[in-house]
């Protein structure tokens, strides 16, 4: 299954308790303290399962994962590079 903005926002709301109406797509998730490092592991698992990609340790960064926009751009790069969905 491909990751969409809607699926990501749904996950953030259902699993992480973030109100999508209060989160801009470019709003920071981790550096703002909205989510902590414990939630990061769950976010990574969600991304890997939903987008069918494998995230390497050196790819876990605020540059790739700190906003909805960054996550979606990262997943798009990964799926293109891995020839995914």
PDB file of N, CA and C in Angstrom:
ATOM      1  N   UNK A   1       0.848  -1.181   0.000  1.00  0.00           N
ATOM      2  CA  UNK A   1       0.000   0.000   0.000  1.00  0.00           C
ATOM      3  C   UNK A   1       0.887   1.236   0.000  1.00  0.00           C
ATOM      4  N   UNK A   2       0.520   2.200  -0.789  1.00  0.00           N
ATOM      5  CA  UNK A   2       1.267   3.455  -0.838  1.00  0.00           C
ATOM      6  C   UNK A   2       0.844   4.359   0.315  1.00  0.00           C
ATOM      7  N   UNK A   3       1.805   5.097   0.825  1.00  0.00           N
ATOM      8  CA  UNK A   3       1.485   6.037   1.890  1.00  0.00           C
ATOM      9  C   UNK A   3       0.945   7.317   1.271  1.00  0.00           C
ATOM     10  N   UNK A   4      -0.145   7.795   1.827  1.00  0.00           N
ATOM     11  CA  UNK A   4      -0.729   9.056   1.384  1.00  0.00           C
ATOM     12  C   UNK A   4      -0.729  10.041   2.550  1.00  0.00           C
ATOM     13  N   UNK A   5      -0.971  11.273   2.226  1.00  0.00           N
ATOM     14  CA  UNK A   5      -1.086  12.296   3.265  1.00  0.00           C
ATOM     15  C   UNK A   5      -2.196  11.915   4.238  1.00  0.00           C
ATOM     16  N   UNK A   6      -3.309  11.433   3.698  1.00  0.00           N
ATOM     17  CA  UNK A   6      -4.453  11.073   4.521  1.00  0.00           C
ATOM     18  C   UNK A   6      -4.140   9.905   5.454  1.00  0.00           C
ATOM     19  N   UNK A   7      -3.431   8.895   4.942  1.00  0.00           N
ATOM     20  CA  UNK A   7      -3.100   7.751   5.805  1.00  0.00           C
ATOM     21  C   UNK A   7      -2.129   8.162   6.905  1.00  0.00           C
ATOM     22  N   UNK A   8      -1.190   9.042   6.576  1.00  0.00           N
ATOM     23  CA  UNK A   8      -0.235   9.520   7.581  1.00  0.00           C
ATOM     24  C   UNK A   8      -0.939  10.356   8.644  1.00  0.00           C
ATOM     25  N   UNK A   9      -1.795  11.265   8.219  1.00  0.00           N
ATOM     26  CA  UNK A   9      -2.537  12.088   9.185  1.00  0.00           C
ATOM     27  C   UNK A   9      -3.465  11.230  10.035  1.00  0.00           C
ATOM     28  N   UNK A  10      -4.083  10.226   9.430  1.00  0.00           N
ATOM     29  CA  UNK A  10      -4.942   9.312  10.182  1.00  0.00           C
ATOM     30  C   UNK A  10      -4.159   8.562  11.240  1.00  0.00           C
ATOM     31  N   UNK A  11      -2.961   8.095  10.870  1.00  0.00           N
ATOM     32  CA  UNK A  11      -2.090   7.423  11.837  1.00  0.00           C
ATOM     33  C   UNK A  11      -1.716   8.373  12.977  1.00  0.00           C
ATOM     34  N   UNK A  12      -1.290   9.583  12.631  1.00  0.00           N
ATOM     35  CA  UNK A  12      -0.877  10.535  13.665  1.00  0.00           C
ATOM     36  C   UNK A  12      -2.027  10.849  14.618  1.00  0.00           C
ATOM     37  N   UNK A  13      -3.229  10.878  14.092  1.00  0.00           N
ATOM     38  CA  UNK A  13      -4.387  11.142  14.947  1.00  0.00           C
ATOM     39  C   UNK A  13      -4.736   9.917  15.794  1.00  0.00           C
ATOM     40  N   UNK A  14      -4.876   8.770  15.156  1.00  0.00           N
ATOM     41  CA  UNK A  14      -5.330   7.560  15.856  1.00  0.00           C
ATOM     42  C   UNK A  14      -4.294   6.990  16.822  1.00  0.00           C
ATOM     43  N   UNK A  15      -3.048   6.943  16.400  1.00  0.00           N
ATOM     44  CA  UNK A  15      -2.021   6.287  17.209  1.00  0.00           C
ATOM     45  C   UNK A  15      -1.211   7.236  18.084  1.00  0.00           C
ATOM     46  N   UNK A  16      -1.090   8.493  17.636  1.00  0.00           N
ATOM     47  CA  UNK A  16      -0.247   9.423  18.376  1.00  0.00           C
ATOM     48  C   UNK A  16      -1.037  10.550  19.039  1.00  0.00           C
ATOM     49  N   UNK A  17      -2.334  10.628  18.796  1.00  0.00           N
ATOM     50  CA  UNK A  17      -3.173  11.623  19.448  1.00  0.00           C
ATOM     51  C   UNK A  17      -2.988  13.046  18.965  1.00  0.00           C
ATOM     52  N   UNK A  18      -2.509  13.211  17.740  1.00  0.00           N
ATOM     53  CA  UNK A  18      -2.305  14.543  17.184  1.00  0.00           C
ATOM     54  C   UNK A  18      -3.528  14.921  16.355  1.00  0.00           C
ATOM     55  N   UNK A  19      -4.093  16.078  16.634  1.00  0.00           N
ATOM     56  CA  UNK A  19      -5.228  16.573  15.873  1.00  0.00           C
ATOM     57  C   UNK A  19      -4.717  17.113  14.539  1.00  0.00           C
ATOM     58  N   UNK A  20      -5.081  16.483  13.422  1.00  0.00           N
ATOM     59  CA  UNK A  20      -4.590  16.937  12.116  1.00  0.00           C
ATOM     60  C   UNK A  20      -4.947  18.394  11.809  1.00  0.00           C
ATOM     61  N   UNK A  21      -6.042  18.874  12.355  1.00  0.00           N
ATOM     62  CA  UNK A  21      -6.452  20.258  12.116  1.00  0.00           C
ATOM     63  C   UNK A  21      -5.479  21.251  12.757  1.00  0.00           C
ATOM     64  N   UNK A  22      -4.735  20.782  13.739  1.00  0.00           N
ATOM     65  CA  UNK A  22      -3.790  21.656  14.441  1.00  0.00           C
ATOM     66  C   UNK A  22      -2.347  21.463  13.978  1.00  0.00           C
ATOM     67  N   UNK A  23      -2.147  20.659  12.923  1.00  0.00           N
ATOM     68  CA  UNK A  23      -0.800  20.365  12.450  1.00  0.00           C
ATOM     69  C   UNK A  23      -0.678  20.750  10.985  1.00  0.00           C
ATOM     70  N   UNK A  24       0.105  21.778  10.715  1.00  0.00           N
ATOM     71  CA  UNK A  24       0.393  22.141   9.321  1.00  0.00           C
ATOM     72  C   UNK A  24       1.290  21.067   8.721  1.00  0.00           C
ATOM     73  N   UNK A  25       1.185  20.863   7.423  1.00  0.00           N
ATOM     74  CA  UNK A  25       2.004  19.834   6.774  1.00  0.00           C
ATOM     75  C   UNK A  25       3.497  20.079   6.949  1.00  0.00           C
ATOM     76  N   UNK A  26       3.887  21.337   7.104  1.00  0.00           N
ATOM     77  CA  UNK A  26       5.304  21.632   7.316  1.00  0.00           C
ATOM     78  C   UNK A  26       5.623  21.892   8.795  1.00  0.00           C
ATOM     79  N   UNK A  27       4.661  21.671   9.663  1.00  0.00           N
ATOM     80  CA  UNK A  27       4.879  21.847  11.107  1.00  0.00           C
ATOM     81  C   UNK A  27       5.736  20.720  11.668  1.00  0.00           C
ATOM     82  N   UNK A  28       6.660  21.069  12.527  1.00  0.00           N
ATOM     83  CA  UNK A  28       7.573  20.066  13.073  1.00  0.00           C
ATOM     84  C   UNK A  28       6.863  19.172  14.093  1.00  0.00           C
ATOM     85  N   UNK A  29       7.230  17.915  14.048  1.00  0.00           N
ATOM     86  CA  UNK A  29       6.597  16.917  14.910  1.00  0.00           C
ATOM     87  C   UNK A  29       7.513  16.560  16.086  1.00  0.00           C
ATOM     88  N   UNK A  30       8.775  16.312  15.780  1.00  0.00           N
ATOM     89  CA  UNK A  30       9.706  15.878  16.823  1.00  0.00           C
ATOM     90  C   UNK A  30      10.494  17.038  17.427  1.00  0.00           C
ATOM     91  N   UNK A  31      11.032  17.917  16.606  1.00  0.00           N
ATOM     92  CA  UNK A  31      11.857  19.003  17.159  1.00  0.00           C
ATOM     93  C   UNK A  31      11.032  19.984  17.983  1.00  0.00           C
ATOM     94  N   UNK A  32       9.718  20.013  17.766  1.00  0.00           N
ATOM     95  CA  UNK A  32       8.853  20.877  18.568  1.00  0.00           C
ATOM     96  C   UNK A  32       8.446  20.219  19.890  1.00  0.00           C
ATOM     97  N   UNK A  33       8.721  18.926  20.019  1.00  0.00           N
ATOM     98  CA  UNK A  33       8.346  18.200  21.224  1.00  0.00           C
ATOM     99  C   UNK A  33       6.948  17.606  21.164  1.00  0.00           C
ATOM    100  N   UNK A  34       6.279  17.739  20.021  1.00  0.00           N
ATOM    101  CA  UNK A  34       4.948  17.171  19.861  1.00  0.00           C
ATOM    102  C   UNK A  34       4.981  15.656  20.059  1.00  0.00           C
ATOM    103  N   UNK A  35       5.987  15.019  19.483  1.00  0.00           N
ATOM    104  CA  UNK A  35       6.246  13.593  19.727  1.00  0.00           C
ATOM    105  C   UNK A  35       7.671  13.445  20.230  1.00  0.00           C
ATOM    106  N   UNK A  36       7.905  12.371  20.992  1.00  0.00           N
ATOM    107  CA  UNK A  36       9.240  12.141  21.534  1.00  0.00           C
ATOM    108  C   UNK A  36       9.914  10.950  20.841  1.00  0.00           C
ATOM    109  N   UNK A  37      11.106  10.627  21.291  1.00  0.00           N
ATOM    110  CA  UNK A  37      11.884   9.562  20.655  1.00  0.00           C
ATOM    111  C   UNK A  37      11.229   8.195  20.798  1.00  0.00           C
ATOM    112  N   UNK A  38      10.422   7.995  21.815  1.00  0.00           N
ATOM    113  CA  UNK A  38       9.716   6.721  21.949  1.00  0.00           C
ATOM    114  C   UNK A  38       8.680   6.569  20.834  1.00  0.00           C
ATOM    115  N   UNK A  39       8.003   7.649  20.506  1.00  0.00           N
ATOM    116  CA  UNK A  39       7.020   7.631  19.420  1.00  0.00           C
ATOM    117  C   UNK A  39       7.701   7.448  18.069  1.00  0.00           C
ATOM    118  N   UNK A  40       8.944   7.880  17.962  1.00  0.00           N
ATOM    119  CA  UNK A  40       9.681   7.767  16.710  1.00  0.00           C
ATOM    120  C   UNK A  40       9.736   6.325  16.218  1.00  0.00           C
ATOM    121  N   UNK A  41       9.957   5.404  17.125  1.00  0.00           N
ATOM    122  CA  UNK A  41      10.025   3.988  16.749  1.00  0.00           C
ATOM    123  C   UNK A  41       8.712   3.541  16.128  1.00  0.00           C
ATOM    124  N   UNK A  42       7.600   3.936  16.716  1.00  0.00           N
ATOM    125  CA  UNK A  42       6.294   3.568  16.184  1.00  0.00           C
ATOM    126  C   UNK A  42       6.054   4.224  14.823  1.00  0.00           C
ATOM    127  N   UNK A  43       6.477   5.467  14.664  1.00  0.00           N
ATOM    128  CA  UNK A  43       6.342   6.161  13.382  1.00  0.00           C
ATOM    129  C   UNK A  43       7.134   5.414  12.306  1.00  0.00           C
ATOM    130  N   UNK A  44       8.342   5.002  12.637  1.00  0.00           N
ATOM    131  CA  UNK A  44       9.172   4.272  11.681  1.00  0.00           C
ATOM    132  C   UNK A  44       8.502   2.964  11.276  1.00  0.00           C
ATOM    133  N   UNK A  45       7.984   2.231  12.238  1.00  0.00           N
ATOM    134  CA  UNK A  45       7.297   0.968  11.938  1.00  0.00           C
ATOM    135  C   UNK A  45       6.097   1.235  11.027  1.00  0.00           C
ATOM    136  N   UNK A  46       5.326   2.273  11.329  1.00  0.00           N
ATOM    137  CA  UNK A  46       4.182   2.622  10.487  1.00  0.00           C
ATOM    138  C   UNK A  46       4.632   2.909   9.055  1.00  0.00           C
ATOM    139  N   UNK A  47       5.664   3.714   8.898  1.00  0.00           N
ATOM    140  CA  UNK A  47       6.159   4.058   7.564  1.00  0.00           C
ATOM    141  C   UNK A  47       6.610   2.802   6.828  1.00  0.00           C
ATOM    142  N   UNK A  48       7.409   1.971   7.491  1.00  0.00           N
ATOM    143  CA  UNK A  48       7.916   0.764   6.840  1.00  0.00           C
ATOM    144  C   UNK A  48       6.784  -0.159   6.402  1.00  0.00           C
ATOM    145  N   UNK A  49       5.796  -0.344   7.255  1.00  0.00           N
ATOM    146  CA  UNK A  49       4.691  -1.245   6.926  1.00  0.00           C
ATOM    147  C   UNK A  49       3.767  -0.655   5.867  1.00  0.00           C
ATOM    148  N   UNK A  50       3.477   0.619   5.972  1.00  0.00           N
ATOM    149  CA  UNK A  50       2.534   1.247   5.053  1.00  0.00           C
ATOM    150  C   UNK A  50       3.142   1.472   3.674  1.00  0.00           C
ATOM    151  N   UNK A  51       4.364   1.975   3.643  1.00  0.00           N
ATOM    152  CA  UNK A  51       5.008   2.300   2.370  1.00  0.00           C
ATOM    153  C   UNK A  51       5.807   1.132   1.799  1.00  0.00           C
ATOM    154  N   UNK A  52       5.928   0.063   2.588  1.00  0.00           N
ATOM    155  CA  UNK A  52       6.682  -1.123   2.171  1.00  0.00           C
ATOM    156  C   UNK A  52       8.123  -0.769   1.802  1.00  0.00           C
ATOM    157  N   UNK A  53       8.761  -0.022   2.711  1.00  0.00           N
ATOM    158  CA  UNK A  53      10.168   0.345   2.562  1.00  0.00           C
ATOM    159  C   UNK A  53      10.899  -0.035   3.839  1.00  0.00           C
ATOM    160  N   UNK A  54      12.197  -0.097   3.761  1.00  0.00           N
ATOM    161  CA  UNK A  54      13.042  -0.351   4.928  1.00  0.00           C
ATOM    162  C   UNK A  54      13.831   0.916   5.205  1.00  0.00           C
ATOM    163  N   UNK A  55      13.751   1.413   6.425  1.00  0.00           N
ATOM    164  CA  UNK A  55      14.458   2.635   6.807  1.00  0.00           C
ATOM    165  C   UNK A  55      15.749   2.255   7.525  1.00  0.00           C
ATOM    166  N   UNK A  56      16.873   2.680   6.964  1.00  0.00           N
ATOM    167  CA  UNK A  56      18.178   2.419   7.566  1.00  0.00           C
ATOM    168  C   UNK A  56      18.415   3.392   8.715  1.00  0.00           C
ATOM    169  N   UNK A  57      19.256   2.980   9.640  1.00  0.00           N
ATOM    170  CA  UNK A  57      19.544   3.811  10.812  1.00  0.00           C
ATOM    171  C   UNK A  57      20.047   5.196  10.422  1.00  0.00           C
ATOM    172  N   UNK A  58      20.856   5.283   9.374  1.00  0.00           N
ATOM    173  CA  UNK A  58      21.390   6.590   8.980  1.00  0.00           C
ATOM    174  C   UNK A  58      20.354   7.479   8.286  1.00  0.00           C
ATOM    175  N   UNK A  59      19.168   6.944   8.014  1.00  0.00           N
ATOM    176  CA  UNK A  59      18.097   7.728   7.418  1.00  0.00           C
ATOM    177  C   UNK A  59      17.146   8.311   8.471  1.00  0.00           C
ATOM    178  N   UNK A  60      17.289   7.878   9.699  1.00  0.00           N
ATOM    179  CA  UNK A  60      16.447   8.373  10.789  1.00  0.00           C
ATOM    180  C   UNK A  60      17.004   9.734  11.223  1.00  0.00           C
ATOM    181  N   UNK A  61      16.351  10.779  10.733  1.00  0.00           N
ATOM    182  CA  UNK A  61      16.810  12.135  11.018  1.00  0.00           C
ATOM    183  C   UNK A  61      15.635  13.097  10.971  1.00  0.00           C
ATOM    184  N   UNK A  62      15.825  14.247  11.576  1.00  0.00           N
ATOM    185  CA  UNK A  62      14.798  15.286  11.514  1.00  0.00           C
ATOM    186  C   UNK A  62      14.597  15.739  10.075  1.00  0.00           C
ATOM    187  N   UNK A  63      15.651  15.721   9.291  1.00  0.00           N
ATOM    188  CA  UNK A  63      15.548  16.109   7.885  1.00  0.00           C
ATOM    189  C   UNK A  63      14.533  15.239   7.139  1.00  0.00           C
ATOM    190  N   UNK A  64      14.448  13.962   7.508  1.00  0.00           N
ATOM    191  CA  UNK A  64      13.540  13.039   6.827  1.00  0.00           C
ATOM    192  C   UNK A  64      12.191  12.862   7.516  1.00  0.00           C
ATOM    193  N   UNK A  65      12.120  13.087   8.823  1.00  0.00           N
ATOM    194  CA  UNK A  65      10.947  12.639   9.570  1.00  0.00           C
ATOM    195  C   UNK A  65      10.280  13.689  10.457  1.00  0.00           C
ATOM    196  N   UNK A  66      10.648  14.959  10.333  1.00  0.00           N
ATOM    197  CA  UNK A  66      10.168  15.946  11.306  1.00  0.00           C
ATOM    198  C   UNK A  66       8.881  16.671  10.923  1.00  0.00           C
ATOM    199  N   UNK A  67       8.265  16.318   9.817  1.00  0.00           N
ATOM    200  CA  UNK A  67       6.979  16.920   9.452  1.00  0.00           C
ATOM    201  C   UNK A  67       6.263  15.992   8.483  1.00  0.00           C
ATOM    202  N   UNK A  68       4.995  16.257   8.278  1.00  0.00           N
ATOM    203  CA  UNK A  68       4.223  15.474   7.315  1.00  0.00           C
ATOM    204  C   UNK A  68       4.861  15.608   5.933  1.00  0.00           C
ATOM    205  N   UNK A  69       5.185  16.831   5.531  1.00  0.00           N
ATOM    206  CA  UNK A  69       5.821  17.051   4.229  1.00  0.00           C
ATOM    207  C   UNK A  69       7.132  16.280   4.101  1.00  0.00           C
ATOM    208  N   UNK A  70       7.953  16.341   5.130  1.00  0.00           N
ATOM    209  CA  UNK A  70       9.259  15.660   5.076  1.00  0.00           C
ATOM    210  C   UNK A  70       9.093  14.145   5.011  1.00  0.00           C
ATOM    211  N   UNK A  71       8.158  13.615   5.773  1.00  0.00           N
ATOM    212  CA  UNK A  71       7.927  12.167   5.750  1.00  0.00           C
ATOM    213  C   UNK A  71       7.451  11.741   4.368  1.00  0.00           C
ATOM    214  N   UNK A  72       6.496  12.455   3.801  1.00  0.00           N
ATOM    215  CA  UNK A  72       5.972  12.084   2.482  1.00  0.00           C
ATOM    216  C   UNK A  72       7.044  12.202   1.394  1.00  0.00           C
ATOM    217  N   UNK A  73       7.873  13.234   1.456  1.00  0.00           N
ATOM    218  CA  UNK A  73       8.958  13.394   0.483  1.00  0.00           C
ATOM    219  C   UNK A  73       9.987  12.274   0.644  1.00  0.00           C
ATOM    220  N   UNK A  74      10.307  11.946   1.885  1.00  0.00           N
ATOM    221  CA  UNK A  74      11.252  10.859   2.161  1.00  0.00           C
ATOM    222  C   UNK A  74      10.726   9.532   1.625  1.00  0.00           C
ATOM    223  N   UNK A  75       9.463   9.244   1.892  1.00  0.00           N
ATOM    224  CA  UNK A  75       8.855   7.997   1.413  1.00  0.00           C
ATOM    225  C   UNK A  75       8.843   7.970  -0.114  1.00  0.00           C
ATOM    226  N   UNK A  76       8.546   9.089  -0.748  1.00  0.00           N
ATOM    227  CA  UNK A  76       8.556   9.142  -2.216  1.00  0.00           C
ATOM    228  C   UNK A  76       9.941   8.837  -2.761  1.00  0.00           C
ATOM    229  N   UNK A  77      10.987   9.396  -2.134  1.00  0.00           N
ATOM    230  CA  UNK A  77      12.360   9.102  -2.565  1.00  0.00           C
ATOM    231  C   UNK A  77      12.699   7.634  -2.366  1.00  0.00           C
ATOM    232  N   UNK A  78      12.291   7.095  -1.203  1.00  0.00           N
ATOM    233  CA  UNK A  78      12.589   5.684  -0.893  1.00  0.00           C
ATOM    234  C   UNK A  78      11.889   4.743  -1.858  1.00  0.00           C
ATOM    235  N   UNK A  79      10.625   4.967  -2.114  1.00  0.00           N
ATOM    236  CA  UNK A  79       9.882   4.055  -2.981  1.00  0.00           C
ATOM    237  C   UNK A  79      10.414   4.112  -4.416  1.00  0.00           C
ATOM    238  N   UNK A  80      10.834   5.305  -4.845  1.00  0.00           N
ATOM    239  CA  UNK A  80      11.426   5.425  -6.171  1.00  0.00           C
ATOM    240  C   UNK A  80      12.761   4.686  -6.230  1.00  0.00           C
ATOM    241  N   UNK A  81      13.582   4.876  -5.207  1.00  0.00           N
ATOM    242  CA  UNK A  81      14.902   4.228  -5.167  1.00  0.00           C
ATOM    243  C   UNK A  81      14.793   2.717  -5.042  1.00  0.00           C
ATOM    244  N   UNK A  82      13.794   2.242  -4.308  1.00  0.00           N
ATOM    245  CA  UNK A  82      13.650   0.793  -4.079  1.00  0.00           C
ATOM    246  C   UNK A  82      12.713   0.146  -5.103  1.00  0.00           C
ATOM    247  N   UNK A  83      12.162   0.952  -5.995  1.00  0.00           N
ATOM    248  CA  UNK A  83      11.264   0.419  -6.990  1.00  0.00           C
ATOM    249  C   UNK A  83       9.960  -0.099  -6.405  1.00  0.00           C
ATOM    250  N   UNK A  84       9.526   0.555  -5.320  1.00  0.00           N
ATOM    251  CA  UNK A  84       8.330   0.136  -4.600  1.00  0.00           C
ATOM    252  C   UNK A  84       7.051   0.618  -5.247  1.00  0.00           C
ATOM    253  N   UNK A  85       5.970   0.520  -4.456  1.00  0.00           N
ATOM    254  CA  UNK A  85       4.647   0.865  -4.985  1.00  0.00           C
ATOM    255  C   UNK A  85       4.519   2.285  -5.456  1.00  0.00           C
TER     256      UNK A  85
END
